[in-house]
Amino acid sequence: MSDLKKLRTLIVSFDAPMEVYQTSAFRGAVIEKVGRQHEMFHNHVGDKEFKYSYPVIQYKIIRKLPTLYCVGEGVDEIHNFFGLKNWDINLNGKRVELKIHKLDLNTFNLNVWDKNFSYSLNNWLALNAENYKLYQALTGLCDKVKFLERLLTGNILSFAKGVRWRIEKPITTEITEISNQKIIRYKGVPLLAFDVSFKTNVFLPNYLGLGKSASHGFGVVKSLNKKQN
């Protein structure tokens, strides 16, 4: 493997309007529908043990439509859902019929380039419990930004590892703006989420998830250059 890799992505949106707060319920409903034996849908081994690997099937609400974002091996795995007799899900006790609104299948050339690409990253959960303490202990804004840049670089490398892309060249990551930071509650736990703009010499597809709980719709990447994707 080298710095150049072809990556398939599949974005499936359904014509069943939902709000962003329903993302986890949508995820749970799809997992129960397809069956917990299909681990790529939920990233767990058995009922309790979490797999610390990049999620290749992610759940998002995009423009108020529930969406499955499949990347790499997830593109093939999604047939376990499409092959079901019907796509009715149980969303918090309510039957919801999923009808495809749009399918978007793409192949991208992943590479470490000699130029930078610009992105936004929304609702990014950059900090685990240990990193949160380290981040809070920093007093200077510059130090905090550098700390977040290192974490973002790690998130990109985790994505690369998850799709079996071996990066051999050095990658650069520069956060150009922190437009918002807020406390959100996830599974009852308050977490610090960031909205940032950043530049990197790594090409990233639109709607890719980075950071903690990317499979639940957090840390959504969007290009700031329309021609890029």
C-alpha atoms as a PDB file:
ATOM      1  CA  MET A   1       0.000   0.000   0.000  1.00  0.00           C
ATOM      2  CA  SER A   2       1.111   3.575  -0.633  1.00  0.00           C
ATOM      3  CA  ASP A   3      -0.062   7.135  -0.177  1.00  0.00           C
ATOM      4  CA  LEU A   4      -2.436   6.795  -3.134  1.00  0.00           C
ATOM      5  CA  LYS A   5      -5.606   4.787  -2.558  1.00  0.00           C
ATOM      6  CA  LYS A   6      -8.951   4.532  -4.282  1.00  0.00           C
ATOM      7  CA  LEU A   7     -11.818   4.749  -1.830  1.00  0.00           C
ATOM      8  CA  ARG A   8     -15.478   4.048  -2.492  1.00  0.00           C
ATOM      9  CA  THR A   9     -18.190   5.895  -0.616  1.00  0.00           C
ATOM     10  CA  LEU A  10     -21.944   5.418  -0.723  1.00  0.00           C
ATOM     11  CA  ILE A  11     -24.383   7.967   0.668  1.00  0.00           C
ATOM     12  CA  VAL A  12     -27.959   6.690   1.027  1.00  0.00           C
ATOM     13  CA  SER A  13     -30.584   9.188   2.131  1.00  0.00           C
ATOM     14  CA  PHE A  14     -34.150   8.185   2.955  1.00  0.00           C
ATOM     15  CA  ASP A  15     -37.375  10.090   2.420  1.00  0.00           C
ATOM     16  CA  ALA A  16     -38.447  10.070   6.086  1.00  0.00           C
ATOM     17  CA  PRO A  17     -37.716  13.481   7.649  1.00  0.00           C
ATOM     18  CA  MET A  18     -35.992  13.434  11.041  1.00  0.00           C
ATOM     19  CA  GLU A  19     -34.268  15.883  13.359  1.00  0.00           C
ATOM     20  CA  VAL A  20     -30.584  15.714  14.262  1.00  0.00           C
ATOM     21  CA  TYR A  21     -31.375  14.656  17.846  1.00  0.00           C
ATOM     22  CA  GLN A  22     -32.919  11.469  16.409  1.00  0.00           C
ATOM     23  CA  THR A  23     -29.630  10.281  14.874  1.00  0.00           C
ATOM     24  CA  SER A  24     -28.858   7.757  17.632  1.00  0.00           C
ATOM     25  CA  ALA A  25     -32.431   6.425  17.554  1.00  0.00           C
ATOM     26  CA  PHE A  26     -32.179   6.030  13.768  1.00  0.00           C
ATOM     27  CA  ARG A  27     -28.872   4.200  14.194  1.00  0.00           C
ATOM     28  CA  GLY A  28     -30.307   1.858  16.816  1.00  0.00           C
ATOM     29  CA  ALA A  29     -33.366   1.123  14.700  1.00  0.00           C
ATOM     30  CA  VAL A  30     -31.285   0.193  11.650  1.00  0.00           C
ATOM     31  CA  ILE A  31     -28.993  -2.013  13.757  1.00  0.00           C
ATOM     32  CA  GLU A  32     -31.953  -3.908  15.226  1.00  0.00           C
ATOM     33  CA  LYS A  33     -33.503  -4.252  11.767  1.00  0.00           C
ATOM     34  CA  VAL A  34     -30.403  -5.667  10.088  1.00  0.00           C
ATOM     35  CA  GLY A  35     -29.361  -7.811  13.076  1.00  0.00           C
ATOM     36  CA  ARG A  36     -26.567  -7.396  15.606  1.00  0.00           C
ATOM     37  CA  GLN A  37     -24.606 -10.232  14.001  1.00  0.00           C
ATOM     38  CA  HIS A  38     -23.466  -7.716  11.377  1.00  0.00           C
ATOM     39  CA  GLU A  39     -20.751  -5.952  13.379  1.00  0.00           C
ATOM     40  CA  MET A  40     -19.907  -3.234  10.841  1.00  0.00           C
ATOM     41  CA  PHE A  41     -23.306  -1.671  11.525  1.00  0.00           C
ATOM     42  CA  HIS A  42     -22.524  -1.077  15.219  1.00  0.00           C
ATOM     43  CA  ASN A  43     -18.777  -1.616  15.889  1.00  0.00           C
ATOM     44  CA  HIS A  44     -19.287  -3.932  18.849  1.00  0.00           C
ATOM     45  CA  VAL A  45     -18.120  -7.473  19.487  1.00  0.00           C
ATOM     46  CA  GLY A  46     -21.002  -9.265  21.160  1.00  0.00           C
ATOM     47  CA  ASP A  47     -23.385  -7.184  23.250  1.00  0.00           C
ATOM     48  CA  LYS A  48     -20.952  -5.050  25.250  1.00  0.00           C
ATOM     49  CA  GLU A  49     -17.367  -4.983  23.964  1.00  0.00           C
ATOM     50  CA  PHE A  50     -16.670  -1.947  21.770  1.00  0.00           C
ATOM     51  CA  LYS A  51     -14.398  -2.265  18.736  1.00  0.00           C
ATOM     52  CA  TYR A  52     -11.965   0.639  18.695  1.00  0.00           C
ATOM     53  CA  SER A  53     -11.836   0.875  14.928  1.00  0.00           C
ATOM     54  CA  TYR A  54     -13.003   3.475  12.457  1.00  0.00           C
ATOM     55  CA  PRO A  55     -16.750   3.067  11.682  1.00  0.00           C
ATOM     56  CA  VAL A  56     -17.265   2.193   8.009  1.00  0.00           C
ATOM     57  CA  ILE A  57     -21.054   2.622   8.321  1.00  0.00           C
ATOM     58  CA  GLN A  58     -22.083   5.975   9.783  1.00  0.00           C
ATOM     59  CA  TYR A  59     -25.504   7.421  10.608  1.00  0.00           C
ATOM     60  CA  LYS A  60     -26.306  11.061   9.942  1.00  0.00           C
ATOM     61  CA  ILE A  61     -29.193  13.456   9.457  1.00  0.00           C
ATOM     62  CA  ILE A  62     -28.370  15.536   6.368  1.00  0.00           C
ATOM     63  CA  ARG A  63     -30.824  18.251   5.352  1.00  0.00           C
ATOM     64  CA  LYS A  64     -33.361  16.650   7.713  1.00  0.00           C
ATOM     65  CA  LEU A  65     -33.110  13.257   5.959  1.00  0.00           C
ATOM     66  CA  PRO A  66     -31.786  10.135   7.728  1.00  0.00           C
ATOM     67  CA  THR A  67     -28.674   9.022   5.910  1.00  0.00           C
ATOM     68  CA  LEU A  68     -26.348   6.035   5.845  1.00  0.00           C
ATOM     69  CA  TYR A  69     -22.781   6.976   4.986  1.00  0.00           C
ATOM     70  CA  CYS A  70     -20.776   3.936   3.903  1.00  0.00           C
ATOM     71  CA  VAL A  71     -17.049   4.030   3.310  1.00  0.00           C
ATOM     72  CA  GLY A  72     -14.623   1.322   2.156  1.00  0.00           C
ATOM     73  CA  GLU A  73     -15.805  -2.106   3.285  1.00  0.00           C
ATOM     74  CA  GLY A  74     -19.055  -0.557   4.473  1.00  0.00           C
ATOM     75  CA  VAL A  75     -20.145  -0.098   0.833  1.00  0.00           C
ATOM     76  CA  ASP A  76     -20.238  -3.883   0.409  1.00  0.00           C
ATOM     77  CA  GLU A  77     -21.633  -4.554   3.888  1.00  0.00           C
ATOM     78  CA  ILE A  78     -24.712  -2.399   3.300  1.00  0.00           C
ATOM     79  CA  HIS A  79     -26.225  -5.180   1.146  1.00  0.00           C
ATOM     80  CA  ASN A  80     -27.248  -6.832   4.423  1.00  0.00           C
ATOM     81  CA  PHE A  81     -29.724  -3.977   4.866  1.00  0.00           C
ATOM     82  CA  PHE A  82     -30.781  -3.621   1.251  1.00  0.00           C
ATOM     83  CA  GLY A  83     -31.413  -7.371   1.045  1.00  0.00           C
ATOM     84  CA  LEU A  84     -34.158  -7.287   3.699  1.00  0.00           C
ATOM     85  CA  LYS A  85     -37.771  -7.893   2.629  1.00  0.00           C
ATOM     86  CA  ASN A  86     -38.775  -4.420   3.802  1.00  0.00           C
ATOM     87  CA  TRP A  87     -37.040  -1.403   5.271  1.00  0.00           C
ATOM     88  CA  ASP A  88     -39.552  -0.531   7.967  1.00  0.00           C
ATOM     89  CA  ILE A  89     -37.815   0.449  11.202  1.00  0.00           C
ATOM     90  CA  ASN A  90     -39.044   0.899  14.751  1.00  0.00           C
ATOM     91  CA  LEU A  91     -38.068   4.431  15.765  1.00  0.00           C
ATOM     92  CA  ASN A  92     -38.759   4.774  19.479  1.00  0.00           C
ATOM     93  CA  GLY A  93     -41.923   2.698  19.179  1.00  0.00           C
ATOM     94  CA  LYS A  94     -43.082   4.315  15.950  1.00  0.00           C
ATOM     95  CA  ARG A  95     -43.074   2.414  12.653  1.00  0.00           C
ATOM     96  CA  VAL A  96     -41.204   4.371   9.979  1.00  0.00           C
ATOM     97  CA  GLU A  97     -41.059   3.220   6.366  1.00  0.00           C
ATOM     98  CA  LEU A  98     -37.732   4.049   4.776  1.00  0.00           C
ATOM     99  CA  LYS A  99     -37.872   4.900   1.089  1.00  0.00           C
ATOM    100  CA  ILE A 100     -34.719   5.841  -0.788  1.00  0.00           C
ATOM    101  CA  HIS A 101     -34.522   9.535  -1.563  1.00  0.00           C
ATOM    102  CA  LYS A 102     -31.090   9.480  -3.160  1.00  0.00           C
ATOM    103  CA  LEU A 103     -28.125   7.168  -3.746  1.00  0.00           C
ATOM    104  CA  ASP A 104     -24.708   8.699  -4.296  1.00  0.00           C
ATOM    105  CA  LEU A 105     -21.885   6.242  -5.094  1.00  0.00           C
ATOM    106  CA  ASN A 106     -18.401   7.659  -5.639  1.00  0.00           C
ATOM    107  CA  THR A 107     -14.791   6.594  -5.916  1.00  0.00           C
ATOM    108  CA  PHE A 108     -12.183   9.046  -4.654  1.00  0.00           C
ATOM    109  CA  ASN A 109      -8.425   9.123  -4.981  1.00  0.00           C
ATOM    110  CA  LEU A 110      -7.050   9.484  -1.487  1.00  0.00           C
ATOM    111  CA  ASN A 111      -3.607  10.987  -1.411  1.00  0.00           C
ATOM    112  CA  VAL A 112      -1.232  13.203   0.522  1.00  0.00           C
ATOM    113  CA  TRP A 113      -0.817  16.163  -1.778  1.00  0.00           C
ATOM    114  CA  ASP A 114       1.614  19.059  -2.198  1.00  0.00           C
ATOM    115  CA  LYS A 115      -1.275  21.485  -1.636  1.00  0.00           C
ATOM    116  CA  ASN A 116      -3.859  22.096   1.067  1.00  0.00           C
ATOM    117  CA  PHE A 117      -7.603  21.471   1.043  1.00  0.00           C
ATOM    118  CA  SER A 118     -10.004  23.526   3.166  1.00  0.00           C
ATOM    119  CA  TYR A 119     -12.798  21.972   5.231  1.00  0.00           C
ATOM    120  CA  SER A 120     -15.319  22.672   7.929  1.00  0.00           C
ATOM    121  CA  LEU A 121     -15.794  20.160  10.745  1.00  0.00           C
ATOM    122  CA  ASN A 122     -19.032  20.410  12.722  1.00  0.00           C
ATOM    123  CA  ASN A 123     -19.934  18.961  16.125  1.00  0.00           C
ATOM    124  CA  TRP A 124     -16.454  17.513  16.455  1.00  0.00           C
ATOM    125  CA  LEU A 125     -15.963  15.544  19.660  1.00  0.00           C
ATOM    126  CA  ALA A 126     -12.213  15.909  19.839  1.00  0.00           C
ATOM    127  CA  LEU A 127     -11.654  15.133  23.513  1.00  0.00           C
ATOM    128  CA  ASN A 128     -11.907  11.952  25.513  1.00  0.00           C
ATOM    129  CA  ALA A 129     -11.866  12.168  29.316  1.00  0.00           C
ATOM    130  CA  GLU A 130      -8.060  12.207  29.545  1.00  0.00           C
ATOM    131  CA  ASN A 131      -7.590  14.744  26.737  1.00  0.00           C
ATOM    132  CA  TYR A 132     -10.285  16.982  28.206  1.00  0.00           C
ATOM    133  CA  LYS A 133      -8.249  17.387  31.406  1.00  0.00           C
ATOM    134  CA  LEU A 134      -5.105  18.162  29.404  1.00  0.00           C
ATOM    135  CA  TYR A 135      -6.973  20.654  27.230  1.00  0.00           C
ATOM    136  CA  GLN A 136      -8.514  22.445  30.206  1.00  0.00           C
ATOM    137  CA  ALA A 137      -5.092  22.731  31.825  1.00  0.00           C
ATOM    138  CA  LEU A 138      -3.774  24.744  28.870  1.00  0.00           C
ATOM    139  CA  THR A 139      -4.048  28.504  29.361  1.00  0.00           C
ATOM    140  CA  GLY A 140      -3.009  29.985  26.019  1.00  0.00           C
ATOM    141  CA  LEU A 141      -5.280  29.933  22.969  1.00  0.00           C
ATOM    142  CA  CYS A 142      -2.343  29.076  20.736  1.00  0.00           C
ATOM    143  CA  ASP A 143      -1.492  26.054  22.876  1.00  0.00           C
ATOM    144  CA  LYS A 144      -5.109  24.892  22.792  1.00  0.00           C
ATOM    145  CA  VAL A 145      -5.278  25.175  19.002  1.00  0.00           C
ATOM    146  CA  LYS A 146      -2.007  23.239  18.603  1.00  0.00           C
ATOM    147  CA  PHE A 147      -3.371  20.553  20.936  1.00  0.00           C
ATOM    148  CA  LEU A 148      -6.561  20.257  18.867  1.00  0.00           C
ATOM    149  CA  GLU A 149      -4.522  20.128  15.650  1.00  0.00           C
ATOM    150  CA  ARG A 150      -2.602  17.117  16.967  1.00  0.00           C
ATOM    151  CA  LEU A 151      -5.868  15.387  17.838  1.00  0.00           C
ATOM    152  CA  LEU A 152      -7.309  16.156  14.391  1.00  0.00           C
ATOM    153  CA  THR A 153      -4.202  14.717  12.743  1.00  0.00           C
ATOM    154  CA  GLY A 154      -4.735  11.590  14.836  1.00  0.00           C
ATOM    155  CA  ASN A 155      -8.379  11.415  13.744  1.00  0.00           C
ATOM    156  CA  ILE A 156      -7.331  11.567  10.078  1.00  0.00           C
ATOM    157  CA  LEU A 157      -4.773   8.809  10.636  1.00  0.00           C
ATOM    158  CA  SER A 158      -7.425   6.686  12.391  1.00  0.00           C
ATOM    159  CA  PHE A 159      -9.694   7.102   9.372  1.00  0.00           C
ATOM    160  CA  ALA A 160      -6.819   6.094   7.064  1.00  0.00           C
ATOM    161  CA  LYS A 161      -6.095   2.989   9.130  1.00  0.00           C
ATOM    162  CA  GLY A 162      -9.788   2.082   9.163  1.00  0.00           C
ATOM    163  CA  VAL A 163     -10.013   2.072   5.366  1.00  0.00           C
ATOM    164  CA  ARG A 164      -6.652   0.280   5.021  1.00  0.00           C
ATOM    165  CA  TRP A 165      -4.836   3.301   3.633  1.00  0.00           C
ATOM    166  CA  ARG A 166      -1.207   3.459   4.644  1.00  0.00           C
ATOM    167  CA  ILE A 167       0.073   7.030   4.733  1.00  0.00           C
ATOM    168  CA  GLU A 168       3.823   7.278   4.337  1.00  0.00           C
ATOM    169  CA  LYS A 169       4.260  11.015   3.766  1.00  0.00           C
ATOM    170  CA  PRO A 170       3.960  13.569   6.577  1.00  0.00           C
ATOM    171  CA  ILE A 171       0.522  15.146   6.804  1.00  0.00           C
ATOM    172  CA  THR A 172      -0.140  18.724   7.846  1.00  0.00           C
ATOM    173  CA  THR A 173      -3.198  19.965   9.715  1.00  0.00           C
ATOM    174  CA  GLU A 174      -3.933  23.604  10.502  1.00  0.00           C
ATOM    175  CA  ILE A 175      -7.053  24.804  12.307  1.00  0.00           C
ATOM    176  CA  THR A 176      -7.842  28.216  10.823  1.00  0.00           C
ATOM    177  CA  GLU A 177     -10.935  29.037  12.883  1.00  0.00           C
ATOM    178  CA  ILE A 178     -12.885  27.791  15.876  1.00  0.00           C
ATOM    179  CA  SER A 179     -16.301  29.214  15.116  1.00  0.00           C
ATOM    180  CA  ASN A 180     -18.125  27.585  18.010  1.00  0.00           C
ATOM    181  CA  GLN A 181     -17.594  25.391  21.020  1.00  0.00           C
ATOM    182  CA  LYS A 182     -20.460  24.100  23.079  1.00  0.00           C
ATOM    183  CA  ILE A 183     -21.437  21.495  25.629  1.00  0.00           C
ATOM    184  CA  ILE A 184     -23.694  18.774  24.239  1.00  0.00           C
ATOM    185  CA  ARG A 185     -25.183  15.818  26.054  1.00  0.00           C
ATOM    186  CA  TYR A 186     -24.424  12.434  24.546  1.00  0.00           C
ATOM    187  CA  LYS A 187     -25.799   9.326  26.279  1.00  0.00           C
ATOM    188  CA  GLY A 188     -26.432  11.579  29.265  1.00  0.00           C
ATOM    189  CA  VAL A 189     -22.805  12.713  29.483  1.00  0.00           C
ATOM    190  CA  PRO A 190     -21.833  16.366  28.838  1.00  0.00           C
ATOM    191  CA  LEU A 191     -19.171  16.607  26.120  1.00  0.00           C
ATOM    192  CA  LEU A 192     -17.355  19.550  24.562  1.00  0.00           C
ATOM    193  CA  ALA A 193     -18.061  19.841  20.817  1.00  0.00           C
ATOM    194  CA  PHE A 194     -16.278  22.121  18.362  1.00  0.00           C
ATOM    195  CA  ASP A 195     -17.156  23.674  15.018  1.00  0.00           C
ATOM    196  CA  VAL A 196     -13.881  24.403  13.251  1.00  0.00           C
ATOM    197  CA  SER A 197     -12.421  25.220   9.865  1.00  0.00           C
ATOM    198  CA  PHE A 198      -9.130  23.592   8.951  1.00  0.00           C
ATOM    199  CA  LYS A 199      -6.633  22.982   6.169  1.00  0.00           C
ATOM    200  CA  THR A 200      -4.809  19.741   5.452  1.00  0.00           C
ATOM    201  CA  ASN A 201      -2.809  18.235   2.617  1.00  0.00           C
ATOM    202  CA  VAL A 202      -5.005  15.110   2.788  1.00  0.00           C
ATOM    203  CA  PHE A 203      -8.057  14.873   0.538  1.00  0.00           C
ATOM    204  CA  LEU A 204     -11.209  14.009   2.520  1.00  0.00           C
ATOM    205  CA  PRO A 205     -14.638  13.218   1.011  1.00  0.00           C
ATOM    206  CA  ASN A 206     -17.680  15.269   1.936  1.00  0.00           C
ATOM    207  CA  TYR A 207     -19.715  14.093   4.956  1.00  0.00           C
ATOM    208  CA  LEU A 208     -16.925  11.852   6.267  1.00  0.00           C
ATOM    209  CA  GLY A 209     -17.016  11.517  10.053  1.00  0.00           C
ATOM    210  CA  LEU A 210     -13.960  12.253  12.213  1.00  0.00           C
ATOM    211  CA  GLY A 211     -13.404  12.006  15.949  1.00  0.00           C
ATOM    212  CA  LYS A 212     -15.352  10.430  18.772  1.00  0.00           C
ATOM    213  CA  SER A 213     -18.793   8.986  17.894  1.00  0.00           C
ATOM    214  CA  ALA A 214     -18.404   9.600  14.150  1.00  0.00           C
ATOM    215  CA  SER A 215     -20.887   6.771  13.570  1.00  0.00           C
ATOM    216  CA  HIS A 216     -23.537   8.784  15.462  1.00  0.00           C
ATOM    217  CA  GLY A 217     -23.275  11.804  13.174  1.00  0.00           C
ATOM    218  CA  PHE A 218     -20.644  13.808  15.056  1.00  0.00           C
ATOM    219  CA  GLY A 219     -17.581  15.358  13.426  1.00  0.00           C
ATOM    220  CA  VAL A 220     -18.936  15.842   9.904  1.00  0.00           C
ATOM    221  CA  VAL A 221     -16.440  17.047   7.291  1.00  0.00           C
ATOM    222  CA  LYS A 222     -17.520  19.352   4.478  1.00  0.00           C
ATOM    223  CA  SER A 223     -15.362  20.875   1.776  1.00  0.00           C
ATOM    224  CA  LEU A 224     -15.119  24.667   1.738  1.00  0.00           C
ATOM    225  CA  ASN A 225     -14.257  24.528  -1.961  1.00  0.00           C
ATOM    226  CA  LYS A 226     -17.214  23.397  -4.061  1.00  0.00           C
ATOM    227  CA  LYS A 227     -14.975  22.106  -6.865  1.00  0.00           C
ATOM    228  CA  GLN A 228     -13.083  19.897  -4.433  1.00  0.00           C
ATOM    229  CA  ASN A 229     -15.703  17.140  -4.198  1.00  0.00           C
END
